[in-house]
Amino acid sequence: MNAVVASRTLVNGQRACSVDIDNRGLAYGDGLFETVLVRAGEPLWLAEHLQRLASGARRLQIPCDIDLLAFECSRLLLGVGPENVILKIVVTRGAVARGYSPLAAKSVRIVSLSPAG
C-alpha cells in the first residue's frame, strides 16, 4: 500500500489522529458518514455522497459546509497512487459538556483514507 495513504486523516481540516472524547458522535452517535470507494485516485460518485451527507445534516440540524468537505477530500486524495482506497467522511455535532442538549456544540468534520482491502 502507498505510504501516503497509511495514516491520512483530517479533523476540521487539520492532520490529526484523534477527536475530543466529549464528541457527541462518540457519546451519542450524533452524526452521519459516507464511505467512498476511490479507484486510482478518483472518488466514485463523490458529488452524490456529499449531496446525501448535506441532506442528512440538514435533517439532523448539524452545520455542514459541503464545499469545505469537498476541498478537504480533494486535499487528502493528493498523491494517492493507483491502488483502491476508501475515503470516509464523517460529520458529528461536535463536543459539548455532558448531557443531551446539542445546542452549544460546533460540528466536527473528519475525512480519512484507509486501504480498500
PDB file of N, CA and C in Angstrom:
ATOM      1  N   MET A   1       0.849  -1.186   0.000  1.00  0.00           N
ATOM      2  CA  MET A   1       0.000   0.000   0.000  1.00  0.00           C
ATOM      3  C   MET A   1       0.886   1.238   0.000  1.00  0.00           C
ATOM      4  N   ASN A   2       0.435   2.242  -0.667  1.00  0.00           N
ATOM      5  CA  ASN A   2       1.123   3.525  -0.727  1.00  0.00           C
ATOM      6  C   ASN A   2       1.254   4.100   0.675  1.00  0.00           C
ATOM      7  N   ALA A   3       2.463   4.481   1.075  1.00  0.00           N
ATOM      8  CA  ALA A   3       2.684   5.036   2.420  1.00  0.00           C
ATOM      9  C   ALA A   3       1.923   6.327   2.644  1.00  0.00           C
ATOM     10  N   VAL A   4       1.602   7.041   1.553  1.00  0.00           N
ATOM     11  CA  VAL A   4       0.853   8.290   1.679  1.00  0.00           C
ATOM     12  C   VAL A   4      -0.528   8.020   2.261  1.00  0.00           C
ATOM     13  N   VAL A   5      -1.102   6.862   1.978  1.00  0.00           N
ATOM     14  CA  VAL A   5      -2.447   6.528   2.427  1.00  0.00           C
ATOM     15  C   VAL A   5      -2.454   6.019   3.865  1.00  0.00           C
ATOM     16  N   ALA A   6      -1.356   5.483   4.326  1.00  0.00           N
ATOM     17  CA  ALA A   6      -1.317   4.752   5.593  1.00  0.00           C
ATOM     18  C   ALA A   6      -1.916   5.493   6.777  1.00  0.00           C
ATOM     19  N   SER A   7      -1.691   6.777   6.911  1.00  0.00           N
ATOM     20  CA  SER A   7      -2.198   7.473   8.098  1.00  0.00           C
ATOM     21  C   SER A   7      -2.713   8.857   7.744  1.00  0.00           C
ATOM     22  N   ARG A   8      -3.655   8.920   6.838  1.00  0.00           N
ATOM     23  CA  ARG A   8      -4.155  10.222   6.390  1.00  0.00           C
ATOM     24  C   ARG A   8      -5.533  10.488   6.965  1.00  0.00           C
ATOM     25  N   THR A   9      -5.581  11.399   7.908  1.00  0.00           N
ATOM     26  CA  THR A   9      -6.852  11.825   8.493  1.00  0.00           C
ATOM     27  C   THR A   9      -6.801  13.322   8.736  1.00  0.00           C
ATOM     28  N   LEU A  10      -7.883  13.990   8.371  1.00  0.00           N
ATOM     29  CA  LEU A  10      -8.047  15.410   8.676  1.00  0.00           C
ATOM     30  C   LEU A  10      -9.234  15.552   9.615  1.00  0.00           C
ATOM     31  N   VAL A  11      -9.049  16.310  10.686  1.00  0.00           N
ATOM     32  CA  VAL A  11     -10.143  16.657  11.586  1.00  0.00           C
ATOM     33  C   VAL A  11     -10.269  18.175  11.520  1.00  0.00           C
ATOM     34  N   ASN A  12     -11.402  18.631  11.028  1.00  0.00           N
ATOM     35  CA  ASN A  12     -11.618  20.058  10.790  1.00  0.00           C
ATOM     36  C   ASN A  12     -10.488  20.675   9.968  1.00  0.00           C
ATOM     37  N   GLY A  13     -10.042  19.908   8.963  1.00  0.00           N
ATOM     38  CA  GLY A  13      -9.039  20.409   8.029  1.00  0.00           C
ATOM     39  C   GLY A  13      -7.598  20.286   8.474  1.00  0.00           C
ATOM     40  N   GLN A  14      -7.362  19.780   9.686  1.00  0.00           N
ATOM     41  CA  GLN A  14      -6.003  19.649  10.220  1.00  0.00           C
ATOM     42  C   GLN A  14      -5.642  18.171  10.366  1.00  0.00           C
ATOM     43  N   ARG A  15      -4.398  17.831  10.060  1.00  0.00           N
ATOM     44  CA  ARG A  15      -3.959  16.443  10.263  1.00  0.00           C
ATOM     45  C   ARG A  15      -4.113  16.094  11.744  1.00  0.00           C
ATOM     46  N   ALA A  16      -4.699  14.944  11.998  1.00  0.00           N
ATOM     47  CA  ALA A  16      -4.944  14.523  13.377  1.00  0.00           C
ATOM     48  C   ALA A  16      -5.099  13.012  13.416  1.00  0.00           C
ATOM     49  N   CYS A  17      -4.990  12.466  14.607  1.00  0.00           N
ATOM     50  CA  CYS A  17      -5.199  11.023  14.784  1.00  0.00           C
ATOM     51  C   CYS A  17      -6.218  10.747  15.889  1.00  0.00           C
ATOM     52  N   SER A  18      -6.923  11.801  16.353  1.00  0.00           N
ATOM     53  CA  SER A  18      -7.931  11.597  17.396  1.00  0.00           C
ATOM     54  C   SER A  18      -8.947  12.736  17.356  1.00  0.00           C
ATOM     55  N   VAL A  19     -10.057  12.516  18.058  1.00  0.00           N
ATOM     56  CA  VAL A  19     -11.067  13.546  18.254  1.00  0.00           C
ATOM     57  C   VAL A  19     -11.330  13.667  19.746  1.00  0.00           C
ATOM     58  N   ASP A  20     -11.953  14.759  20.142  1.00  0.00           N
ATOM     59  CA  ASP A  20     -12.279  15.015  21.539  1.00  0.00           C
ATOM     60  C   ASP A  20     -13.143  13.890  22.099  1.00  0.00           C
ATOM     61  N   ILE A  21     -12.820  13.408  23.271  1.00  0.00           N
ATOM     62  CA  ILE A  21     -13.570  12.322  23.898  1.00  0.00           C
ATOM     63  C   ILE A  21     -15.018  12.724  24.191  1.00  0.00           C
ATOM     64  N   ASP A  22     -15.296  14.018  24.288  1.00  0.00           N
ATOM     65  CA  ASP A  22     -16.650  14.506  24.522  1.00  0.00           C
ATOM     66  C   ASP A  22     -17.433  14.718  23.225  1.00  0.00           C
ATOM     67  N   ASN A  23     -16.904  14.269  22.108  1.00  0.00           N
ATOM     68  CA  ASN A  23     -17.576  14.422  20.829  1.00  0.00           C
ATOM     69  C   ASN A  23     -18.906  13.670  20.855  1.00  0.00           C
ATOM     70  N   ARG A  24     -19.982  14.355  20.498  1.00  0.00           N
ATOM     71  CA  ARG A  24     -21.319  13.751  20.517  1.00  0.00           C
ATOM     72  C   ARG A  24     -21.445  12.584  19.544  1.00  0.00           C
ATOM     73  N   GLY A  25     -20.615  12.573  18.504  1.00  0.00           N
ATOM     74  CA  GLY A  25     -20.617  11.438  17.591  1.00  0.00           C
ATOM     75  C   GLY A  25     -20.196  10.162  18.296  1.00  0.00           C
ATOM     76  N   LEU A  26     -19.247  10.267  19.217  1.00  0.00           N
ATOM     77  CA  LEU A  26     -18.816   9.108  20.000  1.00  0.00           C
ATOM     78  C   LEU A  26     -19.789   8.799  21.134  1.00  0.00           C
ATOM     79  N   ALA A  27     -20.196   9.821  21.855  1.00  0.00           N
ATOM     80  CA  ALA A  27     -21.016   9.627  23.044  1.00  0.00           C
ATOM     81  C   ALA A  27     -22.446   9.200  22.722  1.00  0.00           C
ATOM     82  N   TYR A  28     -23.015   9.748  21.642  1.00  0.00           N
ATOM     83  CA  TYR A  28     -24.431   9.516  21.361  1.00  0.00           C
ATOM     84  C   TYR A  28     -24.709   9.055  19.929  1.00  0.00           C
ATOM     85  N   GLY A  29     -23.684   8.867  19.117  1.00  0.00           N
ATOM     86  CA  GLY A  29     -23.913   8.533  17.716  1.00  0.00           C
ATOM     87  C   GLY A  29     -24.555   9.686  16.965  1.00  0.00           C
ATOM     88  N   ASP A  30     -24.260  10.906  17.412  1.00  0.00           N
ATOM     89  CA  ASP A  30     -24.910  12.109  16.884  1.00  0.00           C
ATOM     90  C   ASP A  30     -24.105  12.644  15.704  1.00  0.00           C
ATOM     91  N   GLY A  31     -24.335  12.063  14.542  1.00  0.00           N
ATOM     92  CA  GLY A  31     -23.619  12.468  13.344  1.00  0.00           C
ATOM     93  C   GLY A  31     -24.005  11.577  12.187  1.00  0.00           C
ATOM     94  N   LEU A  32     -23.260  11.686  11.108  1.00  0.00           N
ATOM     95  CA  LEU A  32     -23.515  10.881   9.932  1.00  0.00           C
ATOM     96  C   LEU A  32     -22.222  10.709   9.154  1.00  0.00           C
ATOM     97  N   PHE A  33     -22.229   9.756   8.232  1.00  0.00           N
ATOM     98  CA  PHE A  33     -20.995   9.477   7.485  1.00  0.00           C
ATOM     99  C   PHE A  33     -21.326   8.970   6.093  1.00  0.00           C
ATOM    100  N   GLU A  34     -20.326   9.042   5.241  1.00  0.00           N
ATOM    101  CA  GLU A  34     -20.359   8.446   3.907  1.00  0.00           C
ATOM    102  C   GLU A  34     -19.037   7.722   3.696  1.00  0.00           C
ATOM    103  N   THR A  35     -19.088   6.611   3.000  1.00  0.00           N
ATOM    104  CA  THR A  35     -17.904   5.834   2.669  1.00  0.00           C
ATOM    105  C   THR A  35     -17.801   5.770   1.151  1.00  0.00           C
ATOM    106  N   VAL A  36     -16.655   6.191   0.615  1.00  0.00           N
ATOM    107  CA  VAL A  36     -16.496   6.362  -0.825  1.00  0.00           C
ATOM    108  C   VAL A  36     -15.331   5.504  -1.319  1.00  0.00           C
ATOM    109  N   LEU A  37     -15.576   4.695  -2.330  1.00  0.00           N
ATOM    110  CA  LEU A  37     -14.501   3.949  -2.966  1.00  0.00           C
ATOM    111  C   LEU A  37     -13.718   4.892  -3.865  1.00  0.00           C
ATOM    112  N   VAL A  38     -12.387   4.826  -3.772  1.00  0.00           N
ATOM    113  CA  VAL A  38     -11.504   5.644  -4.608  1.00  0.00           C
ATOM    114  C   VAL A  38     -10.688   4.682  -5.468  1.00  0.00           C
ATOM    115  N   ARG A  39     -10.849   4.799  -6.783  1.00  0.00           N
ATOM    116  CA  ARG A  39     -10.102   3.959  -7.726  1.00  0.00           C
ATOM    117  C   ARG A  39      -9.083   4.824  -8.440  1.00  0.00           C
ATOM    118  N   ALA A  40      -7.829   4.458  -8.322  1.00  0.00           N
ATOM    119  CA  ALA A  40      -6.737   5.171  -8.995  1.00  0.00           C
ATOM    120  C   ALA A  40      -6.822   6.676  -8.748  1.00  0.00           C
ATOM    121  N   GLY A  41      -7.106   7.054  -7.517  1.00  0.00           N
ATOM    122  CA  GLY A  41      -7.140   8.457  -7.147  1.00  0.00           C
ATOM    123  C   GLY A  41      -8.444   9.174  -7.430  1.00  0.00           C
ATOM    124  N   GLU A  42      -9.418   8.495  -8.033  1.00  0.00           N
ATOM    125  CA  GLU A  42     -10.701   9.107  -8.394  1.00  0.00           C
ATOM    126  C   GLU A  42     -11.809   8.579  -7.479  1.00  0.00           C
ATOM    127  N   PRO A  43     -12.395   9.449  -6.658  1.00  0.00           N
ATOM    128  CA  PRO A  43     -13.500   9.010  -5.799  1.00  0.00           C
ATOM    129  C   PRO A  43     -14.765   8.786  -6.636  1.00  0.00           C
ATOM    130  N   LEU A  44     -15.382   7.622  -6.450  1.00  0.00           N
ATOM    131  CA  LEU A  44     -16.576   7.301  -7.219  1.00  0.00           C
ATOM    132  C   LEU A  44     -17.806   7.963  -6.602  1.00  0.00           C
ATOM    133  N   TRP A  45     -18.539   8.696  -7.425  1.00  0.00           N
ATOM    134  CA  TRP A  45     -19.798   9.334  -7.033  1.00  0.00           C
ATOM    135  C   TRP A  45     -19.639  10.265  -5.826  1.00  0.00           C
ATOM    136  N   LEU A  46     -18.523  10.971  -5.750  1.00  0.00           N
ATOM    137  CA  LEU A  46     -18.280  11.860  -4.608  1.00  0.00           C
ATOM    138  C   LEU A  46     -19.355  12.938  -4.490  1.00  0.00           C
ATOM    139  N   ALA A  47     -19.752  13.536  -5.598  1.00  0.00           N
ATOM    140  CA  ALA A  47     -20.771  14.596  -5.547  1.00  0.00           C
ATOM    141  C   ALA A  47     -22.070  14.067  -4.953  1.00  0.00           C
ATOM    142  N   GLU A  48     -22.456  12.863  -5.339  1.00  0.00           N
ATOM    143  CA  GLU A  48     -23.682  12.267  -4.802  1.00  0.00           C
ATOM    144  C   GLU A  48     -23.546  11.947  -3.311  1.00  0.00           C
ATOM    145  N   HIS A  49     -22.379  11.455  -2.910  1.00  0.00           N
ATOM    146  CA  HIS A  49     -22.139  11.187  -1.480  1.00  0.00           C
ATOM    147  C   HIS A  49     -22.234  12.475  -0.671  1.00  0.00           C
ATOM    148  N   LEU A  50     -21.610  13.530  -1.172  1.00  0.00           N
ATOM    149  CA  LEU A  50     -21.647  14.808  -0.454  1.00  0.00           C
ATOM    150  C   LEU A  50     -23.055  15.391  -0.415  1.00  0.00           C
ATOM    151  N   GLN A  51     -23.805  15.216  -1.495  1.00  0.00           N
ATOM    152  CA  GLN A  51     -25.183  15.698  -1.528  1.00  0.00           C
ATOM    153  C   GLN A  51     -26.034  14.964  -0.493  1.00  0.00           C
ATOM    154  N   ARG A  52     -25.856  13.660  -0.385  1.00  0.00           N
ATOM    155  CA  ARG A  52     -26.595  12.867   0.607  1.00  0.00           C
ATOM    156  C   ARG A  52     -26.190  13.269   2.021  1.00  0.00           C
ATOM    157  N   LEU A  53     -24.900  13.519   2.221  1.00  0.00           N
ATOM    158  CA  LEU A  53     -24.412  13.967   3.526  1.00  0.00           C
ATOM    159  C   LEU A  53     -25.035  15.320   3.893  1.00  0.00           C
ATOM    160  N   ALA A  54     -25.084  16.232   2.941  1.00  0.00           N
ATOM    161  CA  ALA A  54     -25.673  17.549   3.189  1.00  0.00           C
ATOM    162  C   ALA A  54     -27.154  17.424   3.546  1.00  0.00           C
ATOM    163  N   SER A  55     -27.858  16.568   2.849  1.00  0.00           N
ATOM    164  CA  SER A  55     -29.281  16.358   3.118  1.00  0.00           C
ATOM    165  C   SER A  55     -29.497  15.806   4.524  1.00  0.00           C
ATOM    166  N   GLY A  56     -28.711  14.814   4.906  1.00  0.00           N
ATOM    167  CA  GLY A  56     -28.818  14.245   6.246  1.00  0.00           C
ATOM    168  C   GLY A  56     -28.460  15.251   7.326  1.00  0.00           C
ATOM    169  N   ALA A  57     -27.438  16.046   7.074  1.00  0.00           N
ATOM    170  CA  ALA A  57     -27.023  17.066   8.052  1.00  0.00           C
ATOM    171  C   ALA A  57     -28.137  18.089   8.258  1.00  0.00           C
ATOM    172  N   ARG A  58     -28.793  18.476   7.165  1.00  0.00           N
ATOM    173  CA  ARG A  58     -29.925  19.407   7.291  1.00  0.00           C
ATOM    174  C   ARG A  58     -31.024  18.805   8.151  1.00  0.00           C
ATOM    175  N   ARG A  59     -31.339  17.539   7.917  1.00  0.00           N
ATOM    176  CA  ARG A  59     -32.383  16.865   8.699  1.00  0.00           C
ATOM    177  C   ARG A  59     -32.032  16.813  10.179  1.00  0.00           C
ATOM    178  N   LEU A  60     -30.765  16.578  10.467  1.00  0.00           N
ATOM    179  CA  LEU A  60     -30.314  16.492  11.859  1.00  0.00           C
ATOM    180  C   LEU A  60     -29.977  17.861  12.441  1.00  0.00           C
ATOM    181  N   GLN A  61     -30.037  18.888  11.610  1.00  0.00           N
ATOM    182  CA  GLN A  61     -29.691  20.256  12.008  1.00  0.00           C
ATOM    183  C   GLN A  61     -28.253  20.347  12.529  1.00  0.00           C
ATOM    184  N   ILE A  62     -27.357  19.682  11.793  1.00  0.00           N
ATOM    185  CA  ILE A  62     -25.923  19.743  12.071  1.00  0.00           C
ATOM    186  C   ILE A  62     -25.297  20.636  11.007  1.00  0.00           C
ATOM    187  N   PRO A  63     -24.642  21.731  11.396  1.00  0.00           N
ATOM    188  CA  PRO A  63     -23.982  22.581  10.404  1.00  0.00           C
ATOM    189  C   PRO A  63     -22.966  21.779   9.596  1.00  0.00           C
ATOM    190  N   CYS A  64     -23.002  21.951   8.280  1.00  0.00           N
ATOM    191  CA  CYS A  64     -22.125  21.150   7.422  1.00  0.00           C
ATOM    192  C   CYS A  64     -21.796  21.945   6.160  1.00  0.00           C
ATOM    193  N   ASP A  65     -20.553  22.318   6.004  1.00  0.00           N
ATOM    194  CA  ASP A  65     -20.096  23.065   4.834  1.00  0.00           C
ATOM    195  C   ASP A  65     -19.595  22.061   3.790  1.00  0.00           C
ATOM    196  N   ILE A  66     -20.456  21.737   2.838  1.00  0.00           N
ATOM    197  CA  ILE A  66     -20.139  20.725   1.839  1.00  0.00           C
ATOM    198  C   ILE A  66     -18.981  21.151   0.939  1.00  0.00           C
ATOM    199  N   ASP A  67     -18.891  22.425   0.593  1.00  0.00           N
ATOM    200  CA  ASP A  67     -17.773  22.897  -0.232  1.00  0.00           C
ATOM    201  C   ASP A  67     -16.448  22.697   0.489  1.00  0.00           C
ATOM    202  N   LEU A  68     -16.429  22.964   1.783  1.00  0.00           N
ATOM    203  CA  LEU A  68     -15.220  22.765   2.575  1.00  0.00           C
ATOM    204  C   LEU A  68     -14.880  21.281   2.660  1.00  0.00           C
ATOM    205  N   LEU A  69     -15.877  20.443   2.862  1.00  0.00           N
ATOM    206  CA  LEU A  69     -15.633  18.995   2.884  1.00  0.00           C
ATOM    207  C   LEU A  69     -15.082  18.505   1.548  1.00  0.00           C
ATOM    208  N   ALA A  70     -15.624  18.992   0.446  1.00  0.00           N
ATOM    209  CA  ALA A  70     -15.142  18.603  -0.883  1.00  0.00           C
ATOM    210  C   ALA A  70     -13.673  19.001  -1.051  1.00  0.00           C
ATOM    211  N   PHE A  71     -13.333  20.201  -0.584  1.00  0.00           N
ATOM    212  CA  PHE A  71     -11.945  20.657  -0.652  1.00  0.00           C
ATOM    213  C   PHE A  71     -11.032  19.757   0.193  1.00  0.00           C
ATOM    214  N   GLU A  72     -11.467  19.425   1.404  1.00  0.00           N
ATOM    215  CA  GLU A  72     -10.666  18.570   2.283  1.00  0.00           C
ATOM    216  C   GLU A  72     -10.504  17.172   1.688  1.00  0.00           C
ATOM    217  N   CYS A  73     -11.536  16.654   1.044  1.00  0.00           N
ATOM    218  CA  CYS A  73     -11.432  15.355   0.382  1.00  0.00           C
ATOM    219  C   CYS A  73     -10.394  15.410  -0.731  1.00  0.00           C
ATOM    220  N   SER A  74     -10.463  16.437  -1.573  1.00  0.00           N
ATOM    221  CA  SER A  74      -9.504  16.536  -2.676  1.00  0.00           C
ATOM    222  C   SER A  74      -8.086  16.722  -2.156  1.00  0.00           C
ATOM    223  N   ARG A  75      -7.933  17.484  -1.093  1.00  0.00           N
ATOM    224  CA  ARG A  75      -6.616  17.681  -0.479  1.00  0.00           C
ATOM    225  C   ARG A  75      -6.048  16.360   0.037  1.00  0.00           C
ATOM    226  N   LEU A  76      -6.896  15.564   0.660  1.00  0.00           N
ATOM    227  CA  LEU A  76      -6.455  14.286   1.211  1.00  0.00           C
ATOM    228  C   LEU A  76      -6.104  13.286   0.113  1.00  0.00           C
ATOM    229  N   LEU A  77      -6.760  13.402  -1.027  1.00  0.00           N
ATOM    230  CA  LEU A  77      -6.535  12.457  -2.121  1.00  0.00           C
ATOM    231  C   LEU A  77      -5.287  12.761  -2.950  1.00  0.00           C
ATOM    232  N   LEU A  78      -4.662  13.923  -2.743  1.00  0.00           N
ATOM    233  CA  LEU A  78      -3.439  14.239  -3.474  1.00  0.00           C
ATOM    234  C   LEU A  78      -2.380  13.180  -3.193  1.00  0.00           C
ATOM    235  N   GLY A  79      -1.778  12.672  -4.228  1.00  0.00           N
ATOM    236  CA  GLY A  79      -0.692  11.719  -4.057  1.00  0.00           C
ATOM    237  C   GLY A  79      -1.131  10.278  -3.891  1.00  0.00           C
ATOM    238  N   VAL A  80      -2.434  10.019  -3.943  1.00  0.00           N
ATOM    239  CA  VAL A  80      -2.895   8.633  -3.860  1.00  0.00           C
ATOM    240  C   VAL A  80      -2.506   7.934  -5.153  1.00  0.00           C
ATOM    241  N   GLY A  81      -1.942   6.772  -5.011  1.00  0.00           N
ATOM    242  CA  GLY A  81      -1.473   6.020  -6.171  1.00  0.00           C
ATOM    243  C   GLY A  81      -2.581   5.268  -6.882  1.00  0.00           C
ATOM    244  N   PRO A  82      -2.206   4.266  -7.671  1.00  0.00           N
ATOM    245  CA  PRO A  82      -3.172   3.542  -8.496  1.00  0.00           C
ATOM    246  C   PRO A  82      -4.034   2.536  -7.717  1.00  0.00           C
ATOM    247  N   GLU A  83      -3.672   2.236  -6.477  1.00  0.00           N
ATOM    248  CA  GLU A  83      -4.454   1.248  -5.727  1.00  0.00           C
ATOM    249  C   GLU A  83      -5.796   1.815  -5.281  1.00  0.00           C
ATOM    250  N   ASN A  84      -6.730   0.927  -4.991  1.00  0.00           N
ATOM    251  CA  ASN A  84      -8.030   1.345  -4.480  1.00  0.00           C
ATOM    252  C   ASN A  84      -7.906   1.674  -3.000  1.00  0.00           C
ATOM    253  N   VAL A  85      -8.559   2.746  -2.578  1.00  0.00           N
ATOM    254  CA  VAL A  85      -8.597   3.131  -1.168  1.00  0.00           C
ATOM    255  C   VAL A  85     -10.030   3.523  -0.814  1.00  0.00           C
ATOM    256  N   ILE A  86     -10.273   3.673   0.468  1.00  0.00           N
ATOM    257  CA  ILE A  86     -11.577   4.077   0.970  1.00  0.00           C
ATOM    258  C   ILE A  86     -11.454   5.475   1.572  1.00  0.00           C
ATOM    259  N   LEU A  87     -12.340   6.358   1.143  1.00  0.00           N
ATOM    260  CA  LEU A  87     -12.437   7.703   1.690  1.00  0.00           C
ATOM    261  C   LEU A  87     -13.652   7.708   2.610  1.00  0.00           C
ATOM    262  N   LYS A  88     -13.427   8.010   3.867  1.00  0.00           N
ATOM    263  CA  LYS A  88     -14.524   8.066   4.842  1.00  0.00           C
ATOM    264  C   LYS A  88     -14.724   9.515   5.240  1.00  0.00           C
ATOM    265  N   ILE A  89     -15.978   9.970   5.157  1.00  0.00           N
ATOM    266  CA  ILE A  89     -16.334  11.348   5.502  1.00  0.00           C
ATOM    267  C   ILE A  89     -17.326  11.277   6.656  1.00  0.00           C
ATOM    268  N   VAL A  90     -16.972  11.886   7.779  1.00  0.00           N
ATOM    269  CA  VAL A  90     -17.813  11.851   8.974  1.00  0.00           C
ATOM    270  C   VAL A  90     -18.075  13.286   9.421  1.00  0.00           C
ATOM    271  N   VAL A  91     -19.324  13.571   9.770  1.00  0.00           N
ATOM    272  CA  VAL A  91     -19.672  14.859  10.361  1.00  0.00           C
ATOM    273  C   VAL A  91     -20.416  14.552  11.658  1.00  0.00           C
ATOM    274  N   THR A  92     -19.932  15.109  12.766  1.00  0.00           N
ATOM    275  CA  THR A  92     -20.619  14.938  14.040  1.00  0.00           C
ATOM    276  C   THR A  92     -21.082  16.301  14.536  1.00  0.00           C
ATOM    277  N   ARG A  93     -21.975  16.282  15.481  1.00  0.00           N
ATOM    278  CA  ARG A  93     -22.466  17.539  16.033  1.00  0.00           C
ATOM    279  C   ARG A  93     -21.353  18.255  16.805  1.00  0.00           C
ATOM    280  N   GLY A  94     -20.346  17.542  17.272  1.00  0.00           N
ATOM    281  CA  GLY A  94     -19.221  18.166  17.958  1.00  0.00           C
ATOM    282  C   GLY A  94     -19.150  17.784  19.415  1.00  0.00           C
ATOM    283  N   ALA A  95     -18.378  18.525  20.162  1.00  0.00           N
ATOM    284  CA  ALA A  95     -18.146  18.226  21.570  1.00  0.00           C
ATOM    285  C   ALA A  95     -18.848  19.251  22.449  1.00  0.00           C
ATOM    286  N   VAL A  96     -19.509  18.755  23.458  1.00  0.00           N
ATOM    287  CA  VAL A  96     -20.142  19.603  24.471  1.00  0.00           C
ATOM    288  C   VAL A  96     -19.965  18.926  25.823  1.00  0.00           C
ATOM    289  N   ALA A  97     -20.233  19.661  26.862  1.00  0.00           N
ATOM    290  CA  ALA A  97     -20.188  19.075  28.194  1.00  0.00           C
ATOM    291  C   ALA A  97     -21.233  17.961  28.268  1.00  0.00           C
ATOM    292  N   ARG A  98     -21.114  17.144  29.248  1.00  0.00           N
ATOM    293  CA  ARG A  98     -22.020  16.013  29.444  1.00  0.00           C
ATOM    294  C   ARG A  98     -23.481  16.470  29.392  1.00  0.00           C
ATOM    295  N   GLY A  99     -24.321  15.656  28.777  1.00  0.00           N
ATOM    296  CA  GLY A  99     -25.741  15.955  28.687  1.00  0.00           C
ATOM    297  C   GLY A  99     -26.268  15.736  27.290  1.00  0.00           C
ATOM    298  N   TYR A 100     -27.569  15.803  27.156  1.00  0.00           N
ATOM    299  CA  TYR A 100     -28.193  15.518  25.876  1.00  0.00           C
ATOM    300  C   TYR A 100     -28.399  16.741  25.001  1.00  0.00           C
ATOM    301  N   SER A 101     -28.301  17.932  25.538  1.00  0.00           N
ATOM    302  CA  SER A 101     -28.582  19.134  24.764  1.00  0.00           C
ATOM    303  C   SER A 101     -27.445  19.437  23.785  1.00  0.00           C
ATOM    304  N   PRO A 102     -27.745  19.454  22.484  1.00  0.00           N
ATOM    305  CA  PRO A 102     -26.716  19.728  21.475  1.00  0.00           C
ATOM    306  C   PRO A 102     -26.573  21.211  21.144  1.00  0.00           C
ATOM    307  N   LEU A 103     -27.231  22.079  21.862  1.00  0.00           N
ATOM    308  CA  LEU A 103     -27.314  23.479  21.460  1.00  0.00           C
ATOM    309  C   LEU A 103     -25.966  24.181  21.348  1.00  0.00           C
ATOM    310  N   ALA A 104     -25.029  23.888  22.225  1.00  0.00           N
ATOM    311  CA  ALA A 104     -23.762  24.608  22.231  1.00  0.00           C
ATOM    312  C   ALA A 104     -22.692  23.946  21.365  1.00  0.00           C
ATOM    313  N   ALA A 105     -23.003  22.827  20.744  1.00  0.00           N
ATOM    314  CA  ALA A 105     -21.998  22.068  20.004  1.00  0.00           C
ATOM    315  C   ALA A 105     -21.662  22.728  18.662  1.00  0.00           C
ATOM    316  N   LYS A 106     -20.415  22.574  18.252  1.00  0.00           N
ATOM    317  CA  LYS A 106     -19.956  23.026  16.935  1.00  0.00           C
ATOM    318  C   LYS A 106     -19.562  21.768  16.162  1.00  0.00           C
ATOM    319  N   SER A 107     -20.070  21.620  14.948  1.00  0.00           N
ATOM    320  CA  SER A 107     -19.844  20.381  14.202  1.00  0.00           C
ATOM    321  C   SER A 107     -18.357  20.113  13.967  1.00  0.00           C
ATOM    322  N   VAL A 108     -18.053  18.828  13.796  1.00  0.00           N
ATOM    323  CA  VAL A 108     -16.694  18.370  13.558  1.00  0.00           C
ATOM    324  C   VAL A 108     -16.690  17.574  12.258  1.00  0.00           C
ATOM    325  N   ARG A 109     -15.716  17.869  11.384  1.00  0.00           N
ATOM    326  CA  ARG A 109     -15.538  17.166  10.117  1.00  0.00           C
ATOM    327  C   ARG A 109     -14.341  16.234  10.240  1.00  0.00           C
ATOM    328  N   ILE A 110     -14.534  14.977   9.873  1.00  0.00           N
ATOM    329  CA  ILE A 110     -13.437  14.006   9.874  1.00  0.00           C
ATOM    330  C   ILE A 110     -13.402  13.366   8.484  1.00  0.00           C
ATOM    331  N   VAL A 111     -12.263  13.481   7.820  1.00  0.00           N
ATOM    332  CA  VAL A 111     -12.082  12.908   6.496  1.00  0.00           C
ATOM    333  C   VAL A 111     -10.842  12.038   6.576  1.00  0.00           C
ATOM    334  N   SER A 112     -10.973  10.760   6.188  1.00  0.00           N
ATOM    335  CA  SER A 112      -9.823   9.856   6.316  1.00  0.00           C
ATOM    336  C   SER A 112      -9.741   8.893   5.140  1.00  0.00           C
ATOM    337  N   LEU A 113      -8.546   8.382   4.939  1.00  0.00           N
ATOM    338  CA  LEU A 113      -8.279   7.367   3.911  1.00  0.00           C
ATOM    339  C   LEU A 113      -7.808   6.093   4.583  1.00  0.00           C
ATOM    340  N   SER A 114      -8.204   4.976   4.020  1.00  0.00           N
ATOM    341  CA  SER A 114      -7.718   3.679   4.505  1.00  0.00           C
ATOM    342  C   SER A 114      -7.635   2.725   3.312  1.00  0.00           C
ATOM    343  N   PRO A 115      -6.903   1.628   3.483  1.00  0.00           N
ATOM    344  CA  PRO A 115      -6.811   0.655   2.390  1.00  0.00           C
ATOM    345  C   PRO A 115      -8.192   0.092   2.052  1.00  0.00           C
ATOM    346  N   ALA A 116      -8.403  -0.240   0.795  1.00  0.00           N
ATOM    347  CA  ALA A 116      -9.693  -0.785   0.371  1.00  0.00           C
ATOM    348  C   ALA A 116      -9.845  -2.246   0.748  1.00  0.00           C
ATOM    349  N   GLY A 117      -8.756  -2.917   1.042  1.00  0.00           N
ATOM    350  CA  GLY A 117      -8.795  -4.347   1.317  1.00  0.00           C
ATOM    351  C   GLY A 117      -9.296  -4.662   2.626  1.00  0.00           C
TER     352      GLY A 117
END
